[in-house]
Every structure is written in structure tokens, then in C-alpha cells.
Amino acid sequence: MSSADIEGRVPSFGHGLAEALLLAWVAQIGDRVERGDVIAEVETDKASTEIVAERSGRILAHCAAAGSIVKSGELLYRLAGDRLDGEDIRDE
């Protein structure tokens, strides 16, 4: 991981909910996202919601598979900061 990489973590869902089902990745590896863009869709026991990018960058890696359970605080994705196009992009 480069020092310019940004780790995107699963947010806290509140109301005592510590995990969610990762329904789908909206942003694919290699996609450029801006702050506030939808990265993924998740579903808790109470609602479906979207996870948005906290910073701008290029999706470097997905760290969970669609259909898996993700927990608050876990690493969900990585954004590349200042990196050349196509350098070291992969699924983990």
C-alpha cells in the first residue's frame, strides 16, 4: 500500500447494528470517484443504505465480496491517491 492510498472502512450503522450484508459494489476497481459518490450498497436488519466515498480517488481494491457480511470498522476498499493509471489495481 502506498502512502497516498486511502483506506475506506465500513461505517457505524448506529442503533446497536454492528454488521451489514454487502449487496453490491457500485464503484468498480479502477473507477474514479469523488467525495460523496456511492461506493457500495449494504443492508442491515433495519434498512438498505449506501456507503459513499469520504475522499476523492481511484478505486484500487475491494476488500470484501458482494454477498458477504461486513462489520463496522473493517477495511472495505482502498482508494489510490496520486498513482499512475492501471498501476497495482486488484481484488483482494
PDB file of N, CA and C in Angstrom:
ATOM      1  N   MET A   1       0.843  -1.180   0.000  1.00  0.00           N
ATOM      2  CA  MET A   1       0.000   0.000   0.000  1.00  0.00           C
ATOM      3  C   MET A   1       0.883   1.237   0.000  1.00  0.00           C
ATOM      4  N   SER A   2       0.597   2.159  -0.868  1.00  0.00           N
ATOM      5  CA  SER A   2       1.334   3.409  -0.971  1.00  0.00           C
ATOM      6  C   SER A   2       0.886   4.370   0.119  1.00  0.00           C
ATOM      7  N   SER A   3       1.753   5.307   0.473  1.00  0.00           N
ATOM      8  CA  SER A   3       1.385   6.294   1.485  1.00  0.00           C
ATOM      9  C   SER A   3       0.254   7.193   1.001  1.00  0.00           C
ATOM     10  N   ALA A   4       0.013   7.239  -0.319  1.00  0.00           N
ATOM     11  CA  ALA A   4      -1.074   8.046  -0.869  1.00  0.00           C
ATOM     12  C   ALA A   4      -2.397   7.289  -0.877  1.00  0.00           C
ATOM     13  N   ASP A   5      -2.384   5.973  -0.570  1.00  0.00           N
ATOM     14  CA  ASP A   5      -3.604   5.188  -0.560  1.00  0.00           C
ATOM     15  C   ASP A   5      -4.486   5.581   0.619  1.00  0.00           C
ATOM     16  N   ILE A   6      -5.784   5.509   0.397  1.00  0.00           N
ATOM     17  CA  ILE A   6      -6.770   5.868   1.416  1.00  0.00           C
ATOM     18  C   ILE A   6      -7.585   4.626   1.718  1.00  0.00           C
ATOM     19  N   GLU A   7      -7.698   4.264   2.997  1.00  0.00           N
ATOM     20  CA  GLU A   7      -8.490   3.110   3.388  1.00  0.00           C
ATOM     21  C   GLU A   7      -9.920   3.536   3.670  1.00  0.00           C
ATOM     22  N   GLY A   8     -10.870   2.868   3.009  1.00  0.00           N
ATOM     23  CA  GLY A   8     -12.282   3.105   3.273  1.00  0.00           C
ATOM     24  C   GLY A   8     -12.798   1.996   4.165  1.00  0.00           C
ATOM     25  N   ARG A   9     -13.342   2.359   5.289  1.00  0.00           N
ATOM     26  CA  ARG A   9     -13.811   1.366   6.259  1.00  0.00           C
ATOM     27  C   ARG A   9     -15.332   1.337   6.327  1.00  0.00           C
ATOM     28  N   VAL A  10     -15.859   0.215   6.804  1.00  0.00           N
ATOM     29  CA  VAL A  10     -17.301   0.071   6.985  1.00  0.00           C
ATOM     30  C   VAL A  10     -17.725   1.035   8.081  1.00  0.00           C
ATOM     31  N   PRO A  11     -18.708   1.895   7.810  1.00  0.00           N
ATOM     32  CA  PRO A  11     -19.132   2.859   8.823  1.00  0.00           C
ATOM     33  C   PRO A  11     -19.939   2.208   9.938  1.00  0.00           C
ATOM     34  N   SER A  12     -20.123   2.957  11.001  1.00  0.00           N
ATOM     35  CA  SER A  12     -21.017   2.534  12.078  1.00  0.00           C
ATOM     36  C   SER A  12     -22.444   2.743  11.585  1.00  0.00           C
ATOM     37  N   PHE A  13     -23.296   1.772  11.819  1.00  0.00           N
ATOM     38  CA  PHE A  13     -24.672   1.855  11.348  1.00  0.00           C
ATOM     39  C   PHE A  13     -25.625   2.381  12.410  1.00  0.00           C
ATOM     40  N   GLY A  14     -25.138   2.535  13.650  1.00  0.00           N
ATOM     41  CA  GLY A  14     -25.965   3.064  14.727  1.00  0.00           C
ATOM     42  C   GLY A  14     -27.004   2.068  15.208  1.00  0.00           C
ATOM     43  N   HIS A  15     -27.745   2.462  16.201  1.00  0.00           N
ATOM     44  CA  HIS A  15     -28.843   1.663  16.763  1.00  0.00           C
ATOM     45  C   HIS A  15     -28.404   0.254  17.138  1.00  0.00           C
ATOM     46  N   GLY A  16     -27.163   0.087  17.585  1.00  0.00           N
ATOM     47  CA  GLY A  16     -26.675  -1.218  18.015  1.00  0.00           C
ATOM     48  C   GLY A  16     -26.389  -2.189  16.876  1.00  0.00           C
ATOM     49  N   LEU A  17     -26.407  -1.718  15.632  1.00  0.00           N
ATOM     50  CA  LEU A  17     -26.133  -2.581  14.485  1.00  0.00           C
ATOM     51  C   LEU A  17     -24.644  -2.553  14.176  1.00  0.00           C
ATOM     52  N   ALA A  18     -24.014  -3.717  14.233  1.00  0.00           N
ATOM     53  CA  ALA A  18     -22.568  -3.785  14.051  1.00  0.00           C
ATOM     54  C   ALA A  18     -22.150  -4.394  12.720  1.00  0.00           C
ATOM     55  N   GLU A  19     -23.119  -4.919  11.949  1.00  0.00           N
ATOM     56  CA  GLU A  19     -22.759  -5.559  10.692  1.00  0.00           C
ATOM     57  C   GLU A  19     -23.862  -5.372   9.660  1.00  0.00           C
ATOM     58  N   ALA A  20     -23.481  -5.629   8.412  1.00  0.00           N
ATOM     59  CA  ALA A  20     -24.424  -5.493   7.300  1.00  0.00           C
ATOM     60  C   ALA A  20     -24.040  -6.466   6.195  1.00  0.00           C
ATOM     61  N   LEU A  21     -24.981  -6.741   5.328  1.00  0.00           N
ATOM     62  CA  LEU A  21     -24.745  -7.555   4.148  1.00  0.00           C
ATOM     63  C   LEU A  21     -24.322  -6.632   3.010  1.00  0.00           C
ATOM     64  N   LEU A  22     -23.171  -6.899   2.421  1.00  0.00           N
ATOM     65  CA  LEU A  22     -22.705  -6.123   1.266  1.00  0.00           C
ATOM     66  C   LEU A  22     -23.481  -6.612   0.047  1.00  0.00           C
ATOM     67  N   LEU A  23     -24.436  -5.800  -0.407  1.00  0.00           N
ATOM     68  CA  LEU A  23     -25.294  -6.191  -1.528  1.00  0.00           C
ATOM     69  C   LEU A  23     -24.579  -6.099  -2.861  1.00  0.00           C
ATOM     70  N   ALA A  24     -23.911  -4.974  -3.102  1.00  0.00           N
ATOM     71  CA  ALA A  24     -23.283  -4.766  -4.415  1.00  0.00           C
ATOM     72  C   ALA A  24     -22.245  -3.670  -4.351  1.00  0.00           C
ATOM     73  N   TRP A  25     -21.249  -3.804  -5.200  1.00  0.00           N
ATOM     74  CA  TRP A  25     -20.288  -2.733  -5.424  1.00  0.00           C
ATOM     75  C   TRP A  25     -20.835  -1.853  -6.547  1.00  0.00           C
ATOM     76  N   VAL A  26     -20.988  -0.575  -6.294  1.00  0.00           N
ATOM     77  CA  VAL A  26     -21.424   0.377  -7.311  1.00  0.00           C
ATOM     78  C   VAL A  26     -20.202   0.897  -8.068  1.00  0.00           C
ATOM     79  N   ALA A  27     -19.160   1.222  -7.344  1.00  0.00           N
ATOM     80  CA  ALA A  27     -17.902   1.679  -7.941  1.00  0.00           C
ATOM     81  C   ALA A  27     -16.998   0.458  -8.138  1.00  0.00           C
ATOM     82  N   GLN A  28     -16.540   0.289  -9.356  1.00  0.00           N
ATOM     83  CA  GLN A  28     -15.696  -0.859  -9.685  1.00  0.00           C
ATOM     84  C   GLN A  28     -14.213  -0.495  -9.575  1.00  0.00           C
ATOM     85  N   ILE A  29     -13.372  -1.509  -9.468  1.00  0.00           N
ATOM     86  CA  ILE A  29     -11.932  -1.300  -9.395  1.00  0.00           C
ATOM     87  C   ILE A  29     -11.484  -0.536 -10.636  1.00  0.00           C
ATOM     88  N   GLY A  30     -10.722   0.522 -10.411  1.00  0.00           N
ATOM     89  CA  GLY A  30     -10.248   1.373 -11.494  1.00  0.00           C
ATOM     90  C   GLY A  30     -11.107   2.604 -11.713  1.00  0.00           C
ATOM     91  N   ASP A  31     -12.344   2.604 -11.173  1.00  0.00           N
ATOM     92  CA  ASP A  31     -13.229   3.766 -11.323  1.00  0.00           C
ATOM     93  C   ASP A  31     -12.710   4.949 -10.518  1.00  0.00           C
ATOM     94  N   ARG A  32     -12.888   6.132 -11.059  1.00  0.00           N
ATOM     95  CA  ARG A  32     -12.576   7.374 -10.349  1.00  0.00           C
ATOM     96  C   ARG A  32     -13.843   7.795  -9.611  1.00  0.00           C
ATOM     97  N   VAL A  33     -13.716   8.098  -8.325  1.00  0.00           N
ATOM     98  CA  VAL A  33     -14.855   8.559  -7.526  1.00  0.00           C
ATOM     99  C   VAL A  33     -14.525   9.899  -6.891  1.00  0.00           C
ATOM    100  N   GLU A  34     -15.545  10.676  -6.678  1.00  0.00           N
ATOM    101  CA  GLU A  34     -15.427  11.947  -5.977  1.00  0.00           C
ATOM    102  C   GLU A  34     -16.046  11.794  -4.601  1.00  0.00           C
ATOM    103  N   ARG A  35     -15.643  12.637  -3.687  1.00  0.00           N
ATOM    104  CA  ARG A  35     -16.215  12.608  -2.344  1.00  0.00           C
ATOM    105  C   ARG A  35     -17.737  12.661  -2.450  1.00  0.00           C
ATOM    106  N   GLY A  36     -18.425  11.733  -1.754  1.00  0.00           N
ATOM    107  CA  GLY A  36     -19.878  11.677  -1.770  1.00  0.00           C
ATOM    108  C   GLY A  36     -20.463  10.718  -2.785  1.00  0.00           C
ATOM    109  N   ASP A  37     -19.637  10.229  -3.730  1.00  0.00           N
ATOM    110  CA  ASP A  37     -20.121   9.237  -4.694  1.00  0.00           C
ATOM    111  C   ASP A  37     -20.403   7.918  -3.983  1.00  0.00           C
ATOM    112  N   VAL A  38     -21.397   7.183  -4.461  1.00  0.00           N
ATOM    113  CA  VAL A  38     -21.735   5.879  -3.879  1.00  0.00           C
ATOM    114  C   VAL A  38     -20.672   4.860  -4.274  1.00  0.00           C
ATOM    115  N   ILE A  39     -20.158   4.167  -3.264  1.00  0.00           N
ATOM    116  CA  ILE A  39     -19.153   3.117  -3.464  1.00  0.00           C
ATOM    117  C   ILE A  39     -19.821   1.741  -3.474  1.00  0.00           C
ATOM    118  N   ALA A  40     -20.733   1.527  -2.498  1.00  0.00           N
ATOM    119  CA  ALA A  40     -21.355   0.210  -2.340  1.00  0.00           C
ATOM    120  C   ALA A  40     -22.738   0.353  -1.722  1.00  0.00           C
ATOM    121  N   GLU A  41     -23.533  -0.708  -1.884  1.00  0.00           N
ATOM    122  CA  GLU A  41     -24.851  -0.786  -1.252  1.00  0.00           C
ATOM    123  C   GLU A  41     -24.816  -1.902  -0.222  1.00  0.00           C
ATOM    124  N   VAL A  42     -25.344  -1.618   0.970  1.00  0.00           N
ATOM    125  CA  VAL A  42     -25.383  -2.602   2.046  1.00  0.00           C
ATOM    126  C   VAL A  42     -26.787  -2.664   2.638  1.00  0.00           C
ATOM    127  N   GLU A  43     -27.055  -3.751   3.355  1.00  0.00           N
ATOM    128  CA  GLU A  43     -28.349  -3.923   4.002  1.00  0.00           C
ATOM    129  C   GLU A  43     -28.133  -4.406   5.429  1.00  0.00           C
ATOM    130  N   THR A  44     -28.717  -3.692   6.396  1.00  0.00           N
ATOM    131  CA  THR A  44     -28.696  -4.110   7.790  1.00  0.00           C
ATOM    132  C   THR A  44     -30.029  -4.793   8.102  1.00  0.00           C
ATOM    133  N   ASP A  45     -30.225  -5.192   9.351  1.00  0.00           N
ATOM    134  CA  ASP A  45     -31.502  -5.781   9.765  1.00  0.00           C
ATOM    135  C   ASP A  45     -32.644  -4.790   9.602  1.00  0.00           C
ATOM    136  N   LYS A  46     -32.322  -3.498   9.581  1.00  0.00           N
ATOM    137  CA  LYS A  46     -33.366  -2.474   9.580  1.00  0.00           C
ATOM    138  C   LYS A  46     -33.551  -1.733   8.269  1.00  0.00           C
ATOM    139  N   ALA A  47     -32.518  -1.643   7.441  1.00  0.00           N
ATOM    140  CA  ALA A  47     -32.642  -0.825   6.226  1.00  0.00           C
ATOM    141  C   ALA A  47     -31.520  -1.118   5.236  1.00  0.00           C
ATOM    142  N   SER A  48     -31.774  -0.744   3.987  1.00  0.00           N
ATOM    143  CA  SER A  48     -30.725  -0.741   2.965  1.00  0.00           C
ATOM    144  C   SER A  48     -30.144   0.667   2.927  1.00  0.00           C
ATOM    145  N   THR A  49     -28.847   0.753   2.700  1.00  0.00           N
ATOM    146  CA  THR A  49     -28.198   2.063   2.664  1.00  0.00           C
ATOM    147  C   THR A  49     -27.017   2.027   1.701  1.00  0.00           C
ATOM    148  N   GLU A  50     -26.507   3.198   1.406  1.00  0.00           N
ATOM    149  CA  GLU A  50     -25.357   3.322   0.516  1.00  0.00           C
ATOM    150  C   GLU A  50     -24.141   3.770   1.310  1.00  0.00           C
ATOM    151  N   ILE A  51     -22.994   3.249   0.945  1.00  0.00           N
ATOM    152  CA  ILE A  51     -21.729   3.703   1.513  1.00  0.00           C
ATOM    153  C   ILE A  51     -21.112   4.636   0.480  1.00  0.00           C
ATOM    154  N   VAL A  52     -20.757   5.832   0.910  1.00  0.00           N
ATOM    155  CA  VAL A  52     -20.225   6.839  -0.006  1.00  0.00           C
ATOM    156  C   VAL A  52     -18.741   7.084   0.265  1.00  0.00           C
ATOM    157  N   ALA A  53     -18.052   7.564  -0.760  1.00  0.00           N
ATOM    158  CA  ALA A  53     -16.629   7.887  -0.647  1.00  0.00           C
ATOM    159  C   ALA A  53     -16.449   9.095   0.269  1.00  0.00           C
ATOM    160  N   GLU A  54     -15.537   8.961   1.213  1.00  0.00           N
ATOM    161  CA  GLU A  54     -15.217  10.078   2.105  1.00  0.00           C
ATOM    162  C   GLU A  54     -14.208  11.022   1.468  1.00  0.00           C
ATOM    163  N   ARG A  55     -13.470  10.513   0.462  1.00  0.00           N
ATOM    164  CA  ARG A  55     -12.472  11.309  -0.251  1.00  0.00           C
ATOM    165  C   ARG A  55     -12.529  10.955  -1.727  1.00  0.00           C
ATOM    166  N   SER A  56     -11.925  11.767  -2.540  1.00  0.00           N
ATOM    167  CA  SER A  56     -11.849  11.504  -3.982  1.00  0.00           C
ATOM    168  C   SER A  56     -10.636  10.633  -4.285  1.00  0.00           C
ATOM    169  N   GLY A  57     -10.730   9.833  -5.330  1.00  0.00           N
ATOM    170  CA  GLY A  57      -9.613   8.993  -5.744  1.00  0.00           C
ATOM    171  C   GLY A  57     -10.074   7.934  -6.713  1.00  0.00           C
ATOM    172  N   ARG A  58      -9.184   6.982  -6.998  1.00  0.00           N
ATOM    173  CA  ARG A  58      -9.483   5.873  -7.899  1.00  0.00           C
ATOM    174  C   ARG A  58      -9.574   4.603  -7.053  1.00  0.00           C
ATOM    175  N   ILE A  59     -10.609   3.783  -7.295  1.00  0.00           N
ATOM    176  CA  ILE A  59     -10.769   2.536  -6.550  1.00  0.00           C
ATOM    177  C   ILE A  59      -9.594   1.620  -6.879  1.00  0.00           C
ATOM    178  N   LEU A  60      -8.852   1.279  -5.862  1.00  0.00           N
ATOM    179  CA  LEU A  60      -7.668   0.434  -6.008  1.00  0.00           C
ATOM    180  C   LEU A  60      -7.996  -1.030  -5.719  1.00  0.00           C
ATOM    181  N   ALA A  61      -8.835  -1.273  -4.696  1.00  0.00           N
ATOM    182  CA  ALA A  61      -9.160  -2.652  -4.314  1.00  0.00           C
ATOM    183  C   ALA A  61     -10.478  -2.703  -3.570  1.00  0.00           C
ATOM    184  N   HIS A  62     -11.223  -3.787  -3.788  1.00  0.00           N
ATOM    185  CA  HIS A  62     -12.370  -4.151  -2.958  1.00  0.00           C
ATOM    186  C   HIS A  62     -11.837  -5.148  -1.940  1.00  0.00           C
ATOM    187  N   CYS A  63     -12.166  -4.970  -0.682  1.00  0.00           N
ATOM    188  CA  CYS A  63     -11.627  -5.841   0.365  1.00  0.00           C
ATOM    189  C   CYS A  63     -12.678  -6.783   0.940  1.00  0.00           C
ATOM    190  N   ALA A  64     -13.851  -6.826   0.316  1.00  0.00           N
ATOM    191  CA  ALA A  64     -14.916  -7.757   0.692  1.00  0.00           C
ATOM    192  C   ALA A  64     -15.692  -8.081  -0.576  1.00  0.00           C
ATOM    193  N   ALA A  65     -16.249  -9.272  -0.622  1.00  0.00           N
ATOM    194  CA  ALA A  65     -17.023  -9.699  -1.787  1.00  0.00           C
ATOM    195  C   ALA A  65     -18.497  -9.377  -1.594  1.00  0.00           C
ATOM    196  N   ALA A  66     -19.166  -9.010  -2.681  1.00  0.00           N
ATOM    197  CA  ALA A  66     -20.611  -8.830  -2.630  1.00  0.00           C
ATOM    198  C   ALA A  66     -21.230 -10.132  -2.126  1.00  0.00           C
ATOM    199  N   GLY A  67     -22.202  -9.998  -1.238  1.00  0.00           N
ATOM    200  CA  GLY A  67     -22.838 -11.171  -0.639  1.00  0.00           C
ATOM    201  C   GLY A  67     -22.257 -11.549   0.709  1.00  0.00           C
ATOM    202  N   SER A  68     -21.181 -10.877   1.121  1.00  0.00           N
ATOM    203  CA  SER A  68     -20.565 -11.194   2.411  1.00  0.00           C
ATOM    204  C   SER A  68     -21.043 -10.227   3.503  1.00  0.00           C
ATOM    205  N   ILE A  69     -20.875 -10.645   4.736  1.00  0.00           N
ATOM    206  CA  ILE A  69     -21.206  -9.817   5.889  1.00  0.00           C
ATOM    207  C   ILE A  69     -19.988  -8.961   6.214  1.00  0.00           C
ATOM    208  N   VAL A  70     -20.208  -7.655   6.368  1.00  0.00           N
ATOM    209  CA  VAL A  70     -19.135  -6.731   6.742  1.00  0.00           C
ATOM    210  C   VAL A  70     -19.473  -6.110   8.093  1.00  0.00           C
ATOM    211  N   LYS A  71     -18.447  -5.870   8.887  1.00  0.00           N
ATOM    212  CA  LYS A  71     -18.633  -5.332  10.237  1.00  0.00           C
ATOM    213  C   LYS A  71     -18.099  -3.911  10.328  1.00  0.00           C
ATOM    214  N   SER A  72     -18.758  -3.106  11.137  1.00  0.00           N
ATOM    215  CA  SER A  72     -18.334  -1.717  11.342  1.00  0.00           C
ATOM    216  C   SER A  72     -16.849  -1.676  11.690  1.00  0.00           C
ATOM    217  N   GLY A  73     -16.121  -0.803  11.013  1.00  0.00           N
ATOM    218  CA  GLY A  73     -14.698  -0.622  11.274  1.00  0.00           C
ATOM    219  C   GLY A  73     -13.791  -1.461  10.396  1.00  0.00           C
ATOM    220  N   GLU A  74     -14.321  -2.493   9.740  1.00  0.00           N
ATOM    221  CA  GLU A  74     -13.493  -3.328   8.872  1.00  0.00           C
ATOM    222  C   GLU A  74     -13.091  -2.567   7.608  1.00  0.00           C
ATOM    223  N   LEU A  75     -11.935  -2.935   7.061  1.00  0.00           N
ATOM    224  CA  LEU A  75     -11.486  -2.368   5.795  1.00  0.00           C
ATOM    225  C   LEU A  75     -12.428  -2.846   4.692  1.00  0.00           C
ATOM    226  N   LEU A  76     -12.980  -1.899   3.922  1.00  0.00           N
ATOM    227  CA  LEU A  76     -13.939  -2.237   2.878  1.00  0.00           C
ATOM    228  C   LEU A  76     -13.344  -2.053   1.476  1.00  0.00           C
ATOM    229  N   TYR A  77     -12.585  -0.974   1.283  1.00  0.00           N
ATOM    230  CA  TYR A  77     -11.991  -0.695  -0.026  1.00  0.00           C
ATOM    231  C   TYR A  77     -10.771   0.191   0.162  1.00  0.00           C
ATOM    232  N   ARG A  78      -9.980   0.293  -0.906  1.00  0.00           N
ATOM    233  CA  ARG A  78      -8.841   1.222  -0.916  1.00  0.00           C
ATOM    234  C   ARG A  78      -8.980   2.145  -2.110  1.00  0.00           C
ATOM    235  N   LEU A  79      -8.678   3.403  -1.873  1.00  0.00           N
ATOM    236  CA  LEU A  79      -8.618   4.401  -2.935  1.00  0.00           C
ATOM    237  C   LEU A  79      -7.161   4.733  -3.183  1.00  0.00           C
ATOM    238  N   ALA A  80      -6.776   4.877  -4.449  1.00  0.00           N
ATOM    239  CA  ALA A  80      -5.427   5.309  -4.796  1.00  0.00           C
ATOM    240  C   ALA A  80      -5.411   6.827  -4.836  1.00  0.00           C
ATOM    241  N   GLY A  81      -4.407   7.386  -4.218  1.00  0.00           N
ATOM    242  CA  GLY A  81      -4.219   8.830  -4.271  1.00  0.00           C
ATOM    243  C   GLY A  81      -3.550   9.185  -5.589  1.00  0.00           C
ATOM    244  N   ASP A  82      -2.376   9.727  -5.538  1.00  0.00           N
ATOM    245  CA  ASP A  82      -1.635  10.122  -6.743  1.00  0.00           C
ATOM    246  C   ASP A  82      -0.856   8.925  -7.268  1.00  0.00           C
ATOM    247  N   ARG A  83      -1.454   8.198  -8.186  1.00  0.00           N
ATOM    248  CA  ARG A  83      -0.857   6.987  -8.744  1.00  0.00           C
ATOM    249  C   ARG A  83      -1.111   6.991 -10.247  1.00  0.00           C
ATOM    250  N   LEU A  84      -0.224   6.411 -11.000  1.00  0.00           N
ATOM    251  CA  LEU A  84      -0.419   6.295 -12.449  1.00  0.00           C
ATOM    252  C   LEU A  84      -1.572   5.353 -12.753  1.00  0.00           C
ATOM    253  N   ASP A  85      -2.330   5.626 -13.812  1.00  0.00           N
ATOM    254  CA  ASP A  85      -3.453   4.775 -14.205  1.00  0.00           C
ATOM    255  C   ASP A  85      -2.999   3.336 -14.393  1.00  0.00           C
ATOM    256  N   GLY A  86      -3.777   2.410 -13.837  1.00  0.00           N
ATOM    257  CA  GLY A  86      -3.523   0.979 -14.049  1.00  0.00           C
ATOM    258  C   GLY A  86      -2.453   0.389 -13.168  1.00  0.00           C
ATOM    259  N   GLU A  87      -1.789   1.160 -12.357  1.00  0.00           N
ATOM    260  CA  GLU A  87      -0.709   0.622 -11.522  1.00  0.00           C
ATOM    261  C   GLU A  87      -1.284  -0.077 -10.302  1.00  0.00           C
ATOM    262  N   ASP A  88      -1.036  -1.355 -10.156  1.00  0.00           N
ATOM    263  CA  ASP A  88      -1.342  -2.132  -8.954  1.00  0.00           C
ATOM    264  C   ASP A  88      -2.817  -2.072  -8.564  1.00  0.00           C
ATOM    265  N   ILE A  89      -3.729  -2.299  -9.502  1.00  0.00           N
ATOM    266  CA  ILE A  89      -5.147  -2.379  -9.127  1.00  0.00           C
ATOM    267  C   ILE A  89      -5.555  -3.841  -9.138  1.00  0.00           C
ATOM    268  N   ARG A  90      -6.295  -4.261  -8.093  1.00  0.00           N
ATOM    269  CA  ARG A  90      -6.617  -5.681  -7.948  1.00  0.00           C
ATOM    270  C   ARG A  90      -7.739  -5.886  -6.942  1.00  0.00           C
ATOM    271  N   ASP A  91      -8.379  -7.053  -7.034  1.00  0.00           N
ATOM    272  CA  ASP A  91      -9.303  -7.529  -5.998  1.00  0.00           C
ATOM    273  C   ASP A  91      -8.460  -8.176  -4.922  1.00  0.00           C
ATOM    274  N   GLU A  92      -8.876  -8.060  -3.668  1.00  0.00           N
ATOM    275  CA  GLU A  92      -8.154  -8.725  -2.584  1.00  0.00           C
ATOM    276  C   GLU A  92      -8.979  -9.837  -2.007  1.00  0.00           C
TER     277      GLU A  92
END
